[in-house]
C-alpha atoms as a PDB file:
ATOM      1  CA  MET A   1     200.122 152.292 189.303  1.00  0.00           C
ATOM      2  CA  ARG A   2     200.504 152.485 185.470  1.00  0.00           C
ATOM      3  CA  ASN A   3     198.502 149.248 185.060  1.00  0.00           C
ATOM      4  CA  GLU A   4     195.704 150.582 187.274  1.00  0.00           C
ATOM      5  CA  LYS A   5     195.517 153.778 185.184  1.00  0.00           C
ATOM      6  CA  ALA A   6     195.271 151.749 181.948  1.00  0.00           C
ATOM      7  CA  LYS A   7     192.568 149.605 183.553  1.00  0.00           C
ATOM      8  CA  GLN A   8     190.517 152.670 184.501  1.00  0.00           C
ATOM      9  CA  GLU A   9     190.953 154.140 180.981  1.00  0.00           C
ATOM     10  CA  ARG A  10     189.579 150.887 179.442  1.00  0.00           C
ATOM     11  CA  LYS A  11     186.691 151.000 181.874  1.00  0.00           C
ATOM     12  CA  ARG A  12     185.906 154.597 180.952  1.00  0.00           C
ATOM     13  CA  LYS A  13     185.933 153.790 177.224  1.00  0.00           C
ATOM     14  CA  TYR A  14     183.718 150.775 177.842  1.00  0.00           C
ATOM     15  CA  MET A  15     181.208 152.885 179.673  1.00  0.00           C
ATOM     16  CA  LYS A  16     180.869 154.986 176.517  1.00  0.00           C
ATOM     17  CA  LYS A  17     179.849 151.888 174.532  1.00  0.00           C
ATOM     18  CA  SER A  18     176.139 151.499 173.806  1.00  0.00           C
ATOM     19  CA  ILE A  19     174.089 149.118 175.901  1.00  0.00           C
ATOM     20  CA  TYR A  20     173.539 146.982 172.776  1.00  0.00           C
ATOM     21  CA  CYS A  21     177.319 146.676 172.205  1.00  0.00           C
ATOM     22  CA  GLN A  22     177.942 145.763 175.832  1.00  0.00           C
ATOM     23  CA  LEU A  23     175.267 143.069 175.731  1.00  0.00           C
ATOM     24  CA  LYS A  24     176.698 141.688 172.467  1.00  0.00           C
ATOM     25  CA  ASP A  25     180.218 141.570 174.003  1.00  0.00           C
ATOM     26  CA  LEU A  26     178.768 139.651 176.973  1.00  0.00           C
ATOM     27  CA  GLU A  27     177.064 137.197 174.620  1.00  0.00           C
ATOM     28  CA  ILE A  28     180.292 136.708 172.648  1.00  0.00           C
ATOM     29  CA  LEU A  29     182.308 136.099 175.817  1.00  0.00           C
ATOM     30  CA  THR A  30     179.737 133.648 177.144  1.00  0.00           C
ATOM     31  CA  ALA A  31     179.581 131.748 173.841  1.00  0.00           C
ATOM     32  CA  ARG A  32     183.475 131.661 173.859  1.00  0.00           C
ATOM     33  CA  VAL A  33     183.568 130.083 177.296  1.00  0.00           C
ATOM     34  CA  LEU A  34     180.811 127.599 176.280  1.00  0.00           C
ATOM     35  CA  SER A  35     182.595 126.619 173.080  1.00  0.00           C
ATOM     36  CA  LEU A  36     185.520 124.983 174.845  1.00  0.00           C
ATOM     37  CA  LYS A  37     185.740 121.339 173.984  1.00  0.00           C
ATOM     38  CA  THR A  38     184.579 118.706 176.446  1.00  0.00           C
ATOM     39  CA  GLU A  39     186.936 116.157 177.712  1.00  0.00           C
ATOM     40  CA  ASN A  40     185.742 113.530 175.121  1.00  0.00           C
ATOM     41  CA  ASN A  41     186.358 116.093 172.401  1.00  0.00           C
ATOM     42  CA  LEU A  42     182.694 116.523 171.620  1.00  0.00           C
ATOM     43  CA  LYS A  43     181.547 119.972 170.715  1.00  0.00           C
ATOM     44  CA  PRO A  44     179.187 121.245 173.447  1.00  0.00           C
ATOM     45  CA  PRO A  45     175.784 122.511 172.527  1.00  0.00           C
ATOM     46  CA  THR A  46     175.239 126.163 171.803  1.00  0.00           C
ATOM     47  CA  ILE A  47     173.374 128.316 174.248  1.00  0.00           C
ATOM     48  CA  THR A  48     170.165 127.997 172.150  1.00  0.00           C
ATOM     49  CA  GLN A  49     170.582 124.231 171.846  1.00  0.00           C
ATOM     50  CA  ALA A  50     171.047 123.953 175.627  1.00  0.00           C
ATOM     51  CA  ARG A  51     167.992 126.120 176.225  1.00  0.00           C
ATOM     52  CA  ILE A  52     165.950 123.849 173.982  1.00  0.00           C
ATOM     53  CA  MET A  53     167.224 120.768 175.762  1.00  0.00           C
ATOM     54  CA  GLU A  54     166.440 122.281 179.135  1.00  0.00           C
ATOM     55  CA  TYR A  55     162.917 123.294 178.015  1.00  0.00           C
ATOM     56  CA  ILE A  56     162.177 119.753 176.799  1.00  0.00           C
ATOM     57  CA  LEU A  57     163.453 118.244 180.071  1.00  0.00           C
ATOM     58  CA  GLU A  58     161.438 120.695 182.226  1.00  0.00           C
ATOM     59  CA  ASN A  59     158.316 119.867 180.257  1.00  0.00           C
ATOM     60  CA  ASN A  60     158.818 116.090 179.992  1.00  0.00           C
ATOM     61  CA  ASN A  61     155.210 115.534 180.962  1.00  0.00           C
ATOM     62  CA  LYS A  62     153.879 116.966 177.672  1.00  0.00           C
ATOM     63  CA  ASP A  63     154.557 116.699 173.983  1.00  0.00           C
ATOM     64  CA  ILE A  64     156.808 119.419 172.678  1.00  0.00           C
ATOM     65  CA  TYR A  65     156.581 120.796 169.120  1.00  0.00           C
ATOM     66  CA  GLN A  66     158.545 123.358 167.215  1.00  0.00           C
ATOM     67  CA  LYS A  67     155.835 125.949 167.811  1.00  0.00           C
ATOM     68  CA  ASP A  68     156.156 125.490 171.611  1.00  0.00           C
ATOM     69  CA  LEU A  69     159.846 126.188 171.485  1.00  0.00           C
ATOM     70  CA  GLU A  70     159.322 129.328 169.319  1.00  0.00           C
ATOM     71  CA  GLY A  71     156.965 130.830 171.895  1.00  0.00           C
ATOM     72  CA  ALA A  72     158.700 129.704 175.077  1.00  0.00           C
ATOM     73  CA  LEU A  73     162.215 130.794 173.966  1.00  0.00           C
ATOM     74  CA  ASN A  74     161.106 133.873 171.989  1.00  0.00           C
ATOM     75  CA  LEU A  75     162.791 132.644 168.809  1.00  0.00           C
ATOM     76  CA  ARG A  76     161.663 132.906 165.208  1.00  0.00           C
ATOM     77  CA  ARG A  77     160.396 129.892 163.349  1.00  0.00           C
ATOM     78  CA  ALA A  78     163.410 129.916 160.883  1.00  0.00           C
ATOM     79  CA  THR A  79     165.850 130.065 163.796  1.00  0.00           C
ATOM     80  CA  VAL A  80     164.230 127.163 165.663  1.00  0.00           C
ATOM     81  CA  SER A  81     164.027 125.146 162.462  1.00  0.00           C
ATOM     82  CA  GLU A  82     167.761 125.528 161.765  1.00  0.00           C
ATOM     83  CA  VAL A  83     168.785 124.871 165.359  1.00  0.00           C
ATOM     84  CA  LEU A  84     166.614 121.716 165.428  1.00  0.00           C
ATOM     85  CA  LYS A  85     168.178 120.472 162.125  1.00  0.00           C
ATOM     86  CA  THR A  86     171.634 120.904 163.674  1.00  0.00           C
ATOM     87  CA  MET A  87     170.579 119.188 166.863  1.00  0.00           C
ATOM     88  CA  GLU A  88     169.206 116.321 164.908  1.00  0.00           C
ATOM     89  CA  LYS A  89     172.458 115.909 162.917  1.00  0.00           C
ATOM     90  CA  ARG A  90     174.394 115.941 166.268  1.00  0.00           C
ATOM     91  CA  ASN A  91     172.093 113.254 167.722  1.00  0.00           C
ATOM     92  CA  LEU A  92     170.772 115.598 170.362  1.00  0.00           C
ATOM     93  CA  ILE A  93     167.028 115.273 169.423  1.00  0.00           C
ATOM     94  CA  ILE A  94     164.741 112.990 167.514  1.00  0.00           C
ATOM     95  CA  ARG A  95     161.638 114.148 165.681  1.00  0.00           C
ATOM     96  CA  VAL A  96     158.683 111.779 166.049  1.00  0.00           C
ATOM     97  CA  LYS A  97     155.755 111.942 163.701  1.00  0.00           C
ATOM     98  CA  ASN A  98     152.479 113.013 165.241  1.00  0.00           C
ATOM     99  CA  PRO A  99     149.893 110.303 164.560  1.00  0.00           C
ATOM    100  CA  HIS A 100     147.079 112.922 164.555  1.00  0.00           C
ATOM    101  CA  ASP A 101     148.774 115.465 162.330  1.00  0.00           C
ATOM    102  CA  ALA A 102     151.308 114.503 159.655  1.00  0.00           C
ATOM    103  CA  ARG A 103     152.504 118.089 159.406  1.00  0.00           C
ATOM    104  CA  SER A 104     153.903 118.357 162.903  1.00  0.00           C
ATOM    105  CA  LYS A 105     156.599 116.346 164.643  1.00  0.00           C
ATOM    106  CA  LYS A 106     157.158 115.942 168.315  1.00  0.00           C
ATOM    107  CA  ILE A 107     160.610 116.935 169.537  1.00  0.00           C
ATOM    108  CA  VAL A 108     162.196 114.381 171.870  1.00  0.00           C
ATOM    109  CA  LEU A 109     165.676 114.431 173.440  1.00  0.00           C
ATOM    110  CA  SER A 110     167.895 111.529 172.298  1.00  0.00           C
ATOM    111  CA  GLU A 111     169.297 109.126 174.831  1.00  0.00           C
ATOM    112  CA  PHE A 112     172.752 110.636 174.142  1.00  0.00           C
ATOM    113  CA  ALA A 113     171.475 114.155 175.023  1.00  0.00           C
ATOM    114  CA  GLU A 114     169.789 112.954 178.194  1.00  0.00           C
ATOM    115  CA  LYS A 115     173.070 111.405 179.274  1.00  0.00           C
ATOM    116  CA  GLN A 116     174.893 114.645 178.478  1.00  0.00           C
ATOM    117  CA  HIS A 117     172.337 116.848 180.254  1.00  0.00           C
ATOM    118  CA  ASP A 118     173.941 116.887 183.728  1.00  0.00           C
ATOM    119  CA  LYS A 119     177.335 117.779 182.242  1.00  0.00           C
ATOM    120  CA  ILE A 120     175.847 120.559 180.095  1.00  0.00           C
ATOM    121  CA  LYS A 121     173.817 121.949 183.104  1.00  0.00           C
ATOM    122  CA  ASN A 122     176.945 121.888 185.190  1.00  0.00           C
ATOM    123  CA  ASN A 123     178.842 123.885 182.500  1.00  0.00           C
ATOM    124  CA  PHE A 124     176.100 126.520 182.428  1.00  0.00           C
ATOM    125  CA  GLN A 125     176.215 126.745 186.252  1.00  0.00           C
ATOM    126  CA  ILE A 126     179.935 127.360 186.109  1.00  0.00           C
ATOM    127  CA  ILE A 127     179.431 130.152 183.642  1.00  0.00           C
ATOM    128  CA  GLU A 128     176.584 131.621 185.710  1.00  0.00           C
ATOM    129  CA  ASN A 129     178.920 131.602 188.781  1.00  0.00           C
ATOM    130  CA  LYS A 130     181.611 133.366 186.786  1.00  0.00           C
ATOM    131  CA  LEU A 131     179.100 135.907 185.519  1.00  0.00           C
ATOM    132  CA  ILE A 132     177.791 136.839 188.970  1.00  0.00           C
ATOM    133  CA  LYS A 133     181.116 136.789 190.868  1.00  0.00           C
ATOM    134  CA  ASN A 134     181.633 139.871 192.973  1.00  0.00           C
ATOM    135  CA  ILE A 135     178.103 141.200 192.265  1.00  0.00           C
ATOM    136  CA  SER A 136     175.729 141.672 195.178  1.00  0.00           C
ATOM    137  CA  LYS A 137     172.220 140.304 195.310  1.00  0.00           C
ATOM    138  CA  GLU A 138     170.881 143.887 195.153  1.00  0.00           C
ATOM    139  CA  GLU A 139     172.962 144.621 192.011  1.00  0.00           C
ATOM    140  CA  LEU A 140     171.770 141.390 190.381  1.00  0.00           C
ATOM    141  CA  LYS A 141     168.142 142.122 191.205  1.00  0.00           C
ATOM    142  CA  ALA A 142     168.492 145.656 189.778  1.00  0.00           C
ATOM    143  CA  PHE A 143     170.183 144.322 186.661  1.00  0.00           C
ATOM    144  CA  SER A 144     167.584 141.668 186.175  1.00  0.00           C
ATOM    145  CA  LEU A 145     164.800 144.281 186.484  1.00  0.00           C
ATOM    146  CA  THR A 146     166.588 146.578 184.028  1.00  0.00           C
ATOM    147  CA  LEU A 147     166.954 143.782 181.500  1.00  0.00           C
ATOM    148  CA  GLN A 148     163.300 142.933 181.822  1.00  0.00           C
ATOM    149  CA  LYS A 149     162.365 146.616 181.289  1.00  0.00           C
ATOM    150  CA  MET A 150     164.620 146.714 178.156  1.00  0.00           C
ATOM    151  CA  GLN A 151     162.893 143.544 176.823  1.00  0.00           C
ATOM    152  CA  ASP A 152     159.505 145.048 177.492  1.00  0.00           C
ATOM    153  CA  ASN A 153     160.564 148.258 175.692  1.00  0.00           C
ATOM    154  CA  LEU A 154     161.551 146.321 172.606  1.00  0.00           C
ATOM    155  CA  LYS A 155     158.329 144.352 172.625  1.00  0.00           C
ATOM    156  CA  LYS A 156     156.220 147.569 172.367  1.00  0.00           C
END
């Protein structure tokens, strides 16, 4: 009984937190779960790195450049640039010179990253399943619509 009372008190305090803080807490928890080492002791990709890998794989029929990633993932140029540098160091991507424009380089997944993709995708699915556990389809739909409205509000 005492434990239940403490749990409800924590929940009440959490409900007083701003939406921004709650979203940040969720991001931190998600990142923490993702940061667990893989069985071969390789550091898994960050959420942003995994999103970039997924985007490249989903668009494997076209050439992908940094500018494409900025627009598709709603990230700033400096952010994408730093993430790509890290990914290149970790052998997740290769930058290939564009024969038509020396200033731009095509972003290609390395063979290593392609081999790791299924494992990475599986890890994200595990996290997704944990996130939505005990939440109805109606609640998820409402939450998704609310998140979209919040994003739209910030874009205005």
